[in-house]
PDB file of N, CA and C in Angstrom:
ATOM      1  N   MET A   1       0.860  -1.178   0.000  1.00  0.00           N
ATOM      2  CA  MET A   1       0.000   0.000   0.000  1.00  0.00           C
ATOM      3  C   MET A   1       0.905   1.240   0.000  1.00  0.00           C
ATOM      4  N   ASN A   2       0.642   2.154  -0.921  1.00  0.00           N
ATOM      5  CA  ASN A   2       1.479   3.352  -0.964  1.00  0.00           C
ATOM      6  C   ASN A   2       1.011   4.379   0.074  1.00  0.00           C
ATOM      7  N   TRP A   3       1.814   5.409   0.247  1.00  0.00           N
ATOM      8  CA  TRP A   3       1.562   6.414   1.285  1.00  0.00           C
ATOM      9  C   TRP A   3       0.206   7.092   1.096  1.00  0.00           C
ATOM     10  N   LEU A   4      -0.134   7.456  -0.151  1.00  0.00           N
ATOM     11  CA  LEU A   4      -1.386   8.155  -0.402  1.00  0.00           C
ATOM     12  C   LEU A   4      -2.586   7.277  -0.051  1.00  0.00           C
ATOM     13  N   SER A   5      -2.536   6.012  -0.401  1.00  0.00           N
ATOM     14  CA  SER A   5      -3.625   5.090  -0.069  1.00  0.00           C
ATOM     15  C   SER A   5      -3.770   4.946   1.445  1.00  0.00           C
ATOM     16  N   ALA A   6      -2.639   4.860   2.140  1.00  0.00           N
ATOM     17  CA  ALA A   6      -2.677   4.750   3.600  1.00  0.00           C
ATOM     18  C   ALA A   6      -3.259   6.014   4.225  1.00  0.00           C
ATOM     19  N   GLU A   7      -2.886   7.166   3.680  1.00  0.00           N
ATOM     20  CA  GLU A   7      -3.416   8.425   4.205  1.00  0.00           C
ATOM     21  C   GLU A   7      -4.931   8.503   3.995  1.00  0.00           C
ATOM     22  N   LYS A   8      -5.390   8.106   2.824  1.00  0.00           N
ATOM     23  CA  LYS A   8      -6.830   8.118   2.542  1.00  0.00           C
ATOM     24  C   LYS A   8      -7.579   7.187   3.488  1.00  0.00           C
ATOM     25  N   LYS A   9      -6.987   6.029   3.787  1.00  0.00           N
ATOM     26  CA  LYS A   9      -7.623   5.056   4.679  1.00  0.00           C
ATOM     27  C   LYS A   9      -7.777   5.634   6.093  1.00  0.00           C
ATOM     28  N   VAL A  10      -6.730   6.269   6.595  1.00  0.00           N
ATOM     29  CA  VAL A  10      -6.780   6.881   7.936  1.00  0.00           C
ATOM     30  C   VAL A  10      -7.794   8.025   7.959  1.00  0.00           C
ATOM     31  N   THR A  11      -7.786   8.842   6.924  1.00  0.00           N
ATOM     32  CA  THR A  11      -8.713   9.978   6.860  1.00  0.00           C
ATOM     33  C   THR A  11     -10.154   9.496   6.783  1.00  0.00           C
ATOM     34  N   LYS A  12     -10.414   8.486   5.953  1.00  0.00           N
ATOM     35  CA  LYS A  12     -11.771   7.946   5.839  1.00  0.00           C
ATOM     36  C   LYS A  12     -12.243   7.387   7.176  1.00  0.00           C
ATOM     37  N   LYS A  13     -11.374   6.674   7.871  1.00  0.00           N
ATOM     38  CA  LYS A  13     -11.729   6.109   9.177  1.00  0.00           C
ATOM     39  C   LYS A  13     -12.123   7.233  10.145  1.00  0.00           C
ATOM     40  N   PHE A  14     -11.346   8.318  10.143  1.00  0.00           N
ATOM     41  CA  PHE A  14     -11.644   9.452  11.019  1.00  0.00           C
ATOM     42  C   PHE A  14     -13.005  10.056  10.669  1.00  0.00           C
ATOM     43  N   PHE A  15     -13.228  10.334   9.378  1.00  0.00           N
ATOM     44  CA  PHE A  15     -14.481  10.973   8.974  1.00  0.00           C
ATOM     45  C   PHE A  15     -15.696  10.062   9.150  1.00  0.00           C
ATOM     46  N   ASP A  16     -15.505   8.760   9.022  1.00  0.00           N
ATOM     47  CA  ASP A  16     -16.617   7.829   9.256  1.00  0.00           C
ATOM     48  C   ASP A  16     -17.091   7.875  10.710  1.00  0.00           C
ATOM     49  N   MET A  17     -16.195   8.182  11.644  1.00  0.00           N
ATOM     50  CA  MET A  17     -16.547   8.273  13.071  1.00  0.00           C
ATOM     51  C   MET A  17     -17.033   9.674  13.458  1.00  0.00           C
ATOM     52  N   CYS A  18     -16.818  10.640  12.601  1.00  0.00           N
ATOM     53  CA  CYS A  18     -17.098  12.037  12.918  1.00  0.00           C
ATOM     54  C   CYS A  18     -18.571  12.380  12.675  1.00  0.00           C
ATOM     55  N   ASP A  19     -19.230  12.929  13.704  1.00  0.00           N
ATOM     56  CA  ASP A  19     -20.631  13.334  13.569  1.00  0.00           C
ATOM     57  C   ASP A  19     -20.787  14.609  12.750  1.00  0.00           C
ATOM     58  N   GLU A  20     -19.734  15.379  12.641  1.00  0.00           N
ATOM     59  CA  GLU A  20     -19.802  16.680  11.977  1.00  0.00           C
ATOM     60  C   GLU A  20     -19.155  16.675  10.588  1.00  0.00           C
ATOM     61  N   LYS A  21     -19.074  15.511   9.945  1.00  0.00           N
ATOM     62  CA  LYS A  21     -18.336  15.439   8.686  1.00  0.00           C
ATOM     63  C   LYS A  21     -18.957  16.306   7.581  1.00  0.00           C
ATOM     64  N   GLU A  22     -20.276  16.391   7.508  1.00  0.00           N
ATOM     65  CA  GLU A  22     -20.885  17.240   6.472  1.00  0.00           C
ATOM     66  C   GLU A  22     -20.600  18.712   6.737  1.00  0.00           C
ATOM     67  N   TYR A  23     -20.627  19.106   8.009  1.00  0.00           N
ATOM     68  CA  TYR A  23     -20.305  20.491   8.364  1.00  0.00           C
ATOM     69  C   TYR A  23     -18.844  20.798   8.009  1.00  0.00           C
ATOM     70  N   LEU A  24     -17.931  19.890   8.347  1.00  0.00           N
ATOM     71  CA  LEU A  24     -16.514  20.080   8.037  1.00  0.00           C
ATOM     72  C   LEU A  24     -16.292  20.143   6.532  1.00  0.00           C
ATOM     73  N   LYS A  25     -16.947  19.243   5.797  1.00  0.00           N
ATOM     74  CA  LYS A  25     -16.801  19.229   4.337  1.00  0.00           C
ATOM     75  C   LYS A  25     -17.271  20.549   3.739  1.00  0.00           C
ATOM     76  N   GLN A  26     -18.430  21.019   4.168  1.00  0.00           N
ATOM     77  CA  GLN A  26     -18.972  22.261   3.627  1.00  0.00           C
ATOM     78  C   GLN A  26     -18.094  23.460   4.006  1.00  0.00           C
ATOM     79  N   THR A  27     -17.604  23.487   5.225  1.00  0.00           N
ATOM     80  CA  THR A  27     -16.748  24.583   5.679  1.00  0.00           C
ATOM     81  C   THR A  27     -15.454  24.629   4.872  1.00  0.00           C
ATOM     82  N   LEU A  28     -14.820  23.470   4.657  1.00  0.00           N
ATOM     83  CA  LEU A  28     -13.596  23.419   3.865  1.00  0.00           C
ATOM     84  C   LEU A  28     -13.859  23.840   2.426  1.00  0.00           C
ATOM     85  N   GLU A  29     -14.957  23.382   1.851  1.00  0.00           N
ATOM     86  CA  GLU A  29     -15.295  23.794   0.490  1.00  0.00           C
ATOM     87  C   GLU A  29     -15.510  25.299   0.396  1.00  0.00           C
ATOM     88  N   ASP A  30     -16.146  25.870   1.400  1.00  0.00           N
ATOM     89  CA  ASP A  30     -16.381  27.318   1.407  1.00  0.00           C
ATOM     90  C   ASP A  30     -15.057  28.092   1.390  1.00  0.00           C
ATOM     91  N   TYR A  31     -14.050  27.559   2.065  1.00  0.00           N
ATOM     92  CA  TYR A  31     -12.748  28.230   2.124  1.00  0.00           C
ATOM     93  C   TYR A  31     -11.949  28.111   0.825  1.00  0.00           C
ATOM     94  N   ILE A  32     -12.118  27.016   0.102  1.00  0.00           N
ATOM     95  CA  ILE A  32     -11.279  26.808  -1.089  1.00  0.00           C
ATOM     96  C   ILE A  32     -12.016  26.986  -2.417  1.00  0.00           C
ATOM     97  N   ASN A  33     -13.326  27.182  -2.374  1.00  0.00           N
ATOM     98  CA  ASN A  33     -14.098  27.290  -3.599  1.00  0.00           C
ATOM     99  C   ASN A  33     -14.157  28.737  -4.092  1.00  0.00           C
ATOM    100  N   PHE A  34     -13.080  29.164  -4.703  1.00  0.00           N
ATOM    101  CA  PHE A  34     -13.024  30.478  -5.339  1.00  0.00           C
ATOM    102  C   PHE A  34     -12.046  30.376  -6.503  1.00  0.00           C
ATOM    103  N   PRO A  35     -12.225  31.198  -7.541  1.00  0.00           N
ATOM    104  CA  PRO A  35     -11.319  31.126  -8.693  1.00  0.00           C
ATOM    105  C   PRO A  35      -9.888  31.516  -8.319  1.00  0.00           C
ATOM    106  N   LYS A  36      -8.939  30.783  -8.895  1.00  0.00           N
ATOM    107  CA  LYS A  36      -7.513  31.059  -8.652  1.00  0.00           C
ATOM    108  C   LYS A  36      -6.826  31.231 -10.004  1.00  0.00           C
ATOM    109  N   ILE A  37      -6.072  32.316 -10.137  1.00  0.00           N
ATOM    110  CA  ILE A  37      -5.366  32.589 -11.383  1.00  0.00           C
ATOM    111  C   ILE A  37      -3.924  32.968 -11.042  1.00  0.00           C
ATOM    112  N   SER A  38      -2.984  32.425 -11.810  1.00  0.00           N
ATOM    113  CA  SER A  38      -1.575  32.737 -11.559  1.00  0.00           C
ATOM    114  C   SER A  38      -1.165  33.969 -12.354  1.00  0.00           C
ATOM    115  N   LEU A  39      -0.011  34.487 -12.042  1.00  0.00           N
ATOM    116  CA  LEU A  39       0.557  35.560 -12.849  1.00  0.00           C
ATOM    117  C   LEU A  39       1.013  34.986 -14.184  1.00  0.00           C
ATOM    118  N   PRO A  40       0.824  35.714 -15.271  1.00  0.00           N
ATOM    119  CA  PRO A  40       1.318  35.223 -16.561  1.00  0.00           C
ATOM    120  C   PRO A  40       2.844  35.155 -16.574  1.00  0.00           C
ATOM    121  N   ALA A  41       3.368  34.133 -17.232  1.00  0.00           N
ATOM    122  CA  ALA A  41       4.819  33.968 -17.395  1.00  0.00           C
ATOM    123  C   ALA A  41       5.123  33.890 -18.887  1.00  0.00           C
ATOM    124  N   LYS A  42       6.132  34.639 -19.325  1.00  0.00           N
ATOM    125  CA  LYS A  42       6.478  34.654 -20.745  1.00  0.00           C
ATOM    126  C   LYS A  42       7.377  33.474 -21.082  1.00  0.00           C
ATOM    127  N   ARG A  43       6.981  32.750 -22.117  1.00  0.00           N
ATOM    128  CA  ARG A  43       7.771  31.642 -22.659  1.00  0.00           C
ATOM    129  C   ARG A  43       7.745  31.822 -24.169  1.00  0.00           C
ATOM    130  N   GLY A  44       8.882  32.163 -24.759  1.00  0.00           N
ATOM    131  CA  GLY A  44       8.916  32.419 -26.198  1.00  0.00           C
ATOM    132  C   GLY A  44       8.162  33.696 -26.518  1.00  0.00           C
ATOM    133  N   ASP A  45       7.258  33.626 -27.466  1.00  0.00           N
ATOM    134  CA  ASP A  45       6.489  34.803 -27.884  1.00  0.00           C
ATOM    135  C   ASP A  45       5.170  34.960 -27.131  1.00  0.00           C
ATOM    136  N   TYR A  46       4.836  34.037 -26.253  1.00  0.00           N
ATOM    137  CA  TYR A  46       3.533  34.041 -25.600  1.00  0.00           C
ATOM    138  C   TYR A  46       3.657  34.092 -24.084  1.00  0.00           C
ATOM    139  N   TYR A  47       2.543  34.419 -23.458  1.00  0.00           N
ATOM    140  CA  TYR A  47       2.429  34.383 -22.007  1.00  0.00           C
ATOM    141  C   TYR A  47       1.479  33.247 -21.637  1.00  0.00           C
ATOM    142  N   TYR A  48       1.775  32.588 -20.528  1.00  0.00           N
ATOM    143  CA  TYR A  48       0.981  31.469 -20.053  1.00  0.00           C
ATOM    144  C   TYR A  48       0.605  31.714 -18.603  1.00  0.00           C
ATOM    145  N   PHE A  49      -0.570  31.225 -18.216  1.00  0.00           N
ATOM    146  CA  PHE A  49      -0.990  31.315 -16.815  1.00  0.00           C
ATOM    147  C   PHE A  49      -1.855  30.105 -16.488  1.00  0.00           C
ATOM    148  N   THR A  50      -2.014  29.828 -15.204  1.00  0.00           N
ATOM    149  CA  THR A  50      -2.876  28.735 -14.775  1.00  0.00           C
ATOM    150  C   THR A  50      -4.154  29.309 -14.178  1.00  0.00           C
ATOM    151  N   TYR A  51      -5.216  28.535 -14.300  1.00  0.00           N
ATOM    152  CA  TYR A  51      -6.520  28.966 -13.793  1.00  0.00           C
ATOM    153  C   TYR A  51      -7.262  27.763 -13.240  1.00  0.00           C
ATOM    154  N   ASN A  52      -7.916  27.972 -12.105  1.00  0.00           N
ATOM    155  CA  ASN A  52      -8.724  26.947 -11.453  1.00  0.00           C
ATOM    156  C   ASN A  52     -10.024  27.610 -11.016  1.00  0.00           C
ATOM    157  N   LYS A  53     -11.156  27.051 -11.444  1.00  0.00           N
ATOM    158  CA  LYS A  53     -12.455  27.645 -11.128  1.00  0.00           C
ATOM    159  C   LYS A  53     -12.779  27.637  -9.642  1.00  0.00           C
ATOM    160  N   GLY A  54     -12.180  26.717  -8.903  1.00  0.00           N
ATOM    161  CA  GLY A  54     -12.453  26.658  -7.468  1.00  0.00           C
ATOM    162  C   GLY A  54     -12.202  25.291  -6.880  1.00  0.00           C
ATOM    163  N   LEU A  55     -13.016  24.327  -7.253  1.00  0.00           N
ATOM    164  CA  LEU A  55     -12.897  22.995  -6.665  1.00  0.00           C
ATOM    165  C   LEU A  55     -12.270  21.974  -7.606  1.00  0.00           C
ATOM    166  N   GLU A  56     -11.672  22.436  -8.682  1.00  0.00           N
ATOM    167  CA  GLU A  56     -11.011  21.512  -9.595  1.00  0.00           C
ATOM    168  C   GLU A  56      -9.770  20.935  -8.914  1.00  0.00           C
ATOM    169  N   ASP A  57      -9.484  19.661  -9.161  1.00  0.00           N
ATOM    170  CA  ASP A  57      -8.319  19.022  -8.555  1.00  0.00           C
ATOM    171  C   ASP A  57      -7.010  19.655  -9.015  1.00  0.00           C
ATOM    172  N   GLN A  58      -6.943  20.052 -10.283  1.00  0.00           N
ATOM    173  CA  GLN A  58      -5.718  20.631 -10.835  1.00  0.00           C
ATOM    174  C   GLN A  58      -6.063  21.828 -11.706  1.00  0.00           C
ATOM    175  N   SER A  59      -5.165  22.790 -11.720  1.00  0.00           N
ATOM    176  CA  SER A  59      -5.352  23.972 -12.565  1.00  0.00           C
ATOM    177  C   SER A  59      -4.986  23.649 -14.008  1.00  0.00           C
ATOM    178  N   LYS A  60      -5.654  24.324 -14.931  1.00  0.00           N
ATOM    179  CA  LYS A  60      -5.352  24.187 -16.351  1.00  0.00           C
ATOM    180  C   LYS A  60      -4.444  25.344 -16.758  1.00  0.00           C
ATOM    181  N   THR A  61      -3.619  25.111 -17.774  1.00  0.00           N
ATOM    182  CA  THR A  61      -2.710  26.147 -18.272  1.00  0.00           C
ATOM    183  C   THR A  61      -3.291  26.750 -19.546  1.00  0.00           C
ATOM    184  N   TYR A  62      -3.273  28.077 -19.592  1.00  0.00           N
ATOM    185  CA  TYR A  62      -3.814  28.810 -20.737  1.00  0.00           C
ATOM    186  C   TYR A  62      -2.722  29.647 -21.380  1.00  0.00           C
ATOM    187  N   LYS A  63      -2.875  29.882 -22.683  1.00  0.00           N
ATOM    188  CA  LYS A  63      -1.937  30.702 -23.452  1.00  0.00           C
ATOM    189  C   LYS A  63      -2.670  31.975 -23.867  1.00  0.00           C
ATOM    190  N   ILE A  64      -2.012  33.115 -23.645  1.00  0.00           N
ATOM    191  CA  ILE A  64      -2.579  34.384 -24.068  1.00  0.00           C
ATOM    192  C   ILE A  64      -2.283  34.544 -25.550  1.00  0.00           C
ATOM    193  N   ASN A  65      -3.331  34.667 -26.345  1.00  0.00           N
ATOM    194  CA  ASN A  65      -3.202  34.682 -27.800  1.00  0.00           C
ATOM    195  C   ASN A  65      -2.550  35.948 -28.334  1.00  0.00           C
ATOM    196  N   ALA A  66      -2.890  37.090 -27.788  1.00  0.00           N
ATOM    197  CA  ALA A  66      -2.336  38.368 -28.239  1.00  0.00           C
ATOM    198  C   ALA A  66      -1.792  39.098 -27.013  1.00  0.00           C
ATOM    199  N   PRO A  67      -0.556  38.773 -26.591  1.00  0.00           N
ATOM    200  CA  PRO A  67      -0.023  39.305 -25.331  1.00  0.00           C
ATOM    201  C   PRO A  67      -0.115  40.822 -25.195  1.00  0.00           C
ATOM    202  N   GLY A  68       0.155  41.556 -26.247  1.00  0.00           N
ATOM    203  CA  GLY A  68       0.129  43.014 -26.145  1.00  0.00           C
ATOM    204  C   GLY A  68      -1.259  43.595 -25.981  1.00  0.00           C
ATOM    205  N   GLU A  69      -2.284  42.804 -26.294  1.00  0.00           N
ATOM    206  CA  GLU A  69      -3.660  43.282 -26.232  1.00  0.00           C
ATOM    207  C   GLU A  69      -4.447  42.682 -25.070  1.00  0.00           C
ATOM    208  N   TYR A  70      -3.838  41.797 -24.302  1.00  0.00           N
ATOM    209  CA  TYR A  70      -4.565  41.070 -23.249  1.00  0.00           C
ATOM    210  C   TYR A  70      -4.835  41.950 -22.045  1.00  0.00           C
ATOM    211  N   LYS A  71      -6.078  42.006 -21.643  1.00  0.00           N
ATOM    212  CA  LYS A  71      -6.489  42.691 -20.422  1.00  0.00           C
ATOM    213  C   LYS A  71      -7.346  41.712 -19.640  1.00  0.00           C
ATOM    214  N   ILE A  72      -7.030  41.522 -18.370  1.00  0.00           N
ATOM    215  CA  ILE A  72      -7.810  40.589 -17.560  1.00  0.00           C
ATOM    216  C   ILE A  72      -9.208  41.155 -17.335  1.00  0.00           C
ATOM    217  N   ASP A  73     -10.202  40.389 -17.718  1.00  0.00           N
ATOM    218  CA  ASP A  73     -11.606  40.737 -17.500  1.00  0.00           C
ATOM    219  C   ASP A  73     -12.047  40.014 -16.229  1.00  0.00           C
ATOM    220  N   PRO A  74     -12.363  40.736 -15.155  1.00  0.00           N
ATOM    221  CA  PRO A  74     -12.718  40.070 -13.893  1.00  0.00           C
ATOM    222  C   PRO A  74     -13.961  39.179 -14.015  1.00  0.00           C
ATOM    223  N   HIS A  75     -14.801  39.433 -14.999  1.00  0.00           N
ATOM    224  CA  HIS A  75     -15.997  38.617 -15.188  1.00  0.00           C
ATOM    225  C   HIS A  75     -15.722  37.400 -16.064  1.00  0.00           C
ATOM    226  N   ASP A  76     -14.647  37.448 -16.850  1.00  0.00           N
ATOM    227  CA  ASP A  76     -14.267  36.334 -17.721  1.00  0.00           C
ATOM    228  C   ASP A  76     -12.750  36.325 -17.889  1.00  0.00           C
ATOM    229  N   PRO A  77     -12.014  35.803 -16.879  1.00  0.00           N
ATOM    230  CA  PRO A  77     -10.548  35.841 -16.933  1.00  0.00           C
ATOM    231  C   PRO A  77      -9.940  35.042 -18.079  1.00  0.00           C
ATOM    232  N   LEU A  78     -10.722  34.183 -18.714  1.00  0.00           N
ATOM    233  CA  LEU A  78     -10.200  33.377 -19.815  1.00  0.00           C
ATOM    234  C   LEU A  78     -10.424  34.026 -21.177  1.00  0.00           C
ATOM    235  N   LYS A  79     -11.086  35.167 -21.193  1.00  0.00           N
ATOM    236  CA  LYS A  79     -11.334  35.884 -22.447  1.00  0.00           C
ATOM    237  C   LYS A  79      -9.991  36.303 -23.038  1.00  0.00           C
ATOM    238  N   GLY A  80      -9.756  35.974 -24.302  1.00  0.00           N
ATOM    239  CA  GLY A  80      -8.504  36.310 -24.964  1.00  0.00           C
ATOM    240  C   GLY A  80      -7.410  35.283 -24.752  1.00  0.00           C
ATOM    241  N   ALA A  81      -7.750  34.150 -24.125  1.00  0.00           N
ATOM    242  CA  ALA A  81      -6.770  33.083 -23.879  1.00  0.00           C
ATOM    243  C   ALA A  81      -7.318  31.775 -24.436  1.00  0.00           C
ATOM    244  N   SER A  82      -6.418  30.860 -24.734  1.00  0.00           N
ATOM    245  CA  SER A  82      -6.842  29.541 -25.193  1.00  0.00           C
ATOM    246  C   SER A  82      -6.220  28.468 -24.307  1.00  0.00           C
ATOM    247  N   LEU A  83      -6.935  27.372 -24.165  1.00  0.00           N
ATOM    248  CA  LEU A  83      -6.442  26.265 -23.352  1.00  0.00           C
ATOM    249  C   LEU A  83      -5.170  25.713 -23.979  1.00  0.00           C
ATOM    250  N   PHE A  84      -4.116  25.626 -23.188  1.00  0.00           N
ATOM    251  CA  PHE A  84      -2.834  25.103 -23.660  1.00  0.00           C
ATOM    252  C   PHE A  84      -2.617  23.685 -23.137  1.00  0.00           C
ATOM    253  N   PHE A  85      -2.906  23.464 -21.842  1.00  0.00           N
ATOM    254  CA  PHE A  85      -2.674  22.155 -21.244  1.00  0.00           C
ATOM    255  C   PHE A  85      -3.704  21.890 -20.158  1.00  0.00           C
ATOM    256  N   ASP A  86      -4.335  20.721 -20.253  1.00  0.00           N
ATOM    257  CA  ASP A  86      -5.319  20.300 -19.259  1.00  0.00           C
ATOM    258  C   ASP A  86      -4.839  18.998 -18.627  1.00  0.00           C
ATOM    259  N   PRO A  87      -4.299  19.054 -17.397  1.00  0.00           N
ATOM    260  CA  PRO A  87      -3.757  17.836 -16.774  1.00  0.00           C
ATOM    261  C   PRO A  87      -4.825  16.788 -16.487  1.00  0.00           C
ATOM    262  N   THR A  88      -6.082  17.173 -16.452  1.00  0.00           N
ATOM    263  CA  THR A  88      -7.135  16.190 -16.192  1.00  0.00           C
ATOM    264  C   THR A  88      -7.385  15.289 -17.396  1.00  0.00           C
ATOM    265  N   MET A  89      -6.818  15.648 -18.548  1.00  0.00           N
ATOM    266  CA  MET A  89      -6.993  14.823 -19.739  1.00  0.00           C
ATOM    267  C   MET A  89      -6.014  13.654 -19.774  1.00  0.00           C
ATOM    268  N   LEU A  90      -5.075  13.640 -18.853  1.00  0.00           N
ATOM    269  CA  LEU A  90      -4.120  12.523 -18.786  1.00  0.00           C
ATOM    270  C   LEU A  90      -4.802  11.316 -18.140  1.00  0.00           C
ATOM    271  N   SER A  91      -4.453  10.141 -18.591  1.00  0.00           N
ATOM    272  CA  SER A  91      -5.016   8.942 -17.992  1.00  0.00           C
ATOM    273  C   SER A  91      -4.392   8.717 -16.615  1.00  0.00           C
ATOM    274  N   LYS A  92      -4.947   7.799 -15.880  1.00  0.00           N
ATOM    275  CA  LYS A  92      -4.488   7.503 -14.518  1.00  0.00           C
ATOM    276  C   LYS A  92      -3.021   7.077 -14.469  1.00  0.00           C
ATOM    277  N   ASP A  93      -2.522   6.446 -15.531  1.00  0.00           N
ATOM    278  CA  ASP A  93      -1.138   5.985 -15.525  1.00  0.00           C
ATOM    279  C   ASP A  93      -0.152   7.062 -15.988  1.00  0.00           C
ATOM    280  N   GLY A  94      -0.676   8.286 -16.251  1.00  0.00           N
ATOM    281  CA  GLY A  94       0.199   9.387 -16.617  1.00  0.00           C
ATOM    282  C   GLY A  94       0.412   9.543 -18.109  1.00  0.00           C
ATOM    283  N   ASN A  95      -0.182   8.655 -18.917  1.00  0.00           N
ATOM    284  CA  ASN A  95      -0.065   8.766 -20.374  1.00  0.00           C
ATOM    285  C   ASN A  95      -1.330   9.389 -20.935  1.00  0.00           C
ATOM    286  N   SER A  96      -1.194  10.109 -22.026  1.00  0.00           N
ATOM    287  CA  SER A  96      -2.383  10.710 -22.630  1.00  0.00           C
ATOM    288  C   SER A  96      -3.092   9.748 -23.544  1.00  0.00           C
TER     289      SER A  96
END
C-alpha cells in the first residue's frame, strides 16, 4: 500500500466516526471554492498562466493569444486566452 492510499484510509476512518463530517466538508469547500489565477509567465512569444475555477483538482494552463492586447476581464478571466494544457486529460497511468 502506498503512502497516499494509507493516508486516505486513515482519513476515511476518522471521517466515518465524525458526527460533523458534512459540516466540516462544507466549511472546507467554502474556504477553497473560489477562482484562482496565476501571474502570466512569458515563454517564447507568448504568455501562459494557470486557472482553477475553485474545486477543480488541478489547474489548467492557458496561453494568451495576443499578449500586447490582453487585459484581464474580472468577469471572464479566460477571455482572450486559449487552453494550452489540461492535466485532467491525462489517464491515470500518466499517459495521454
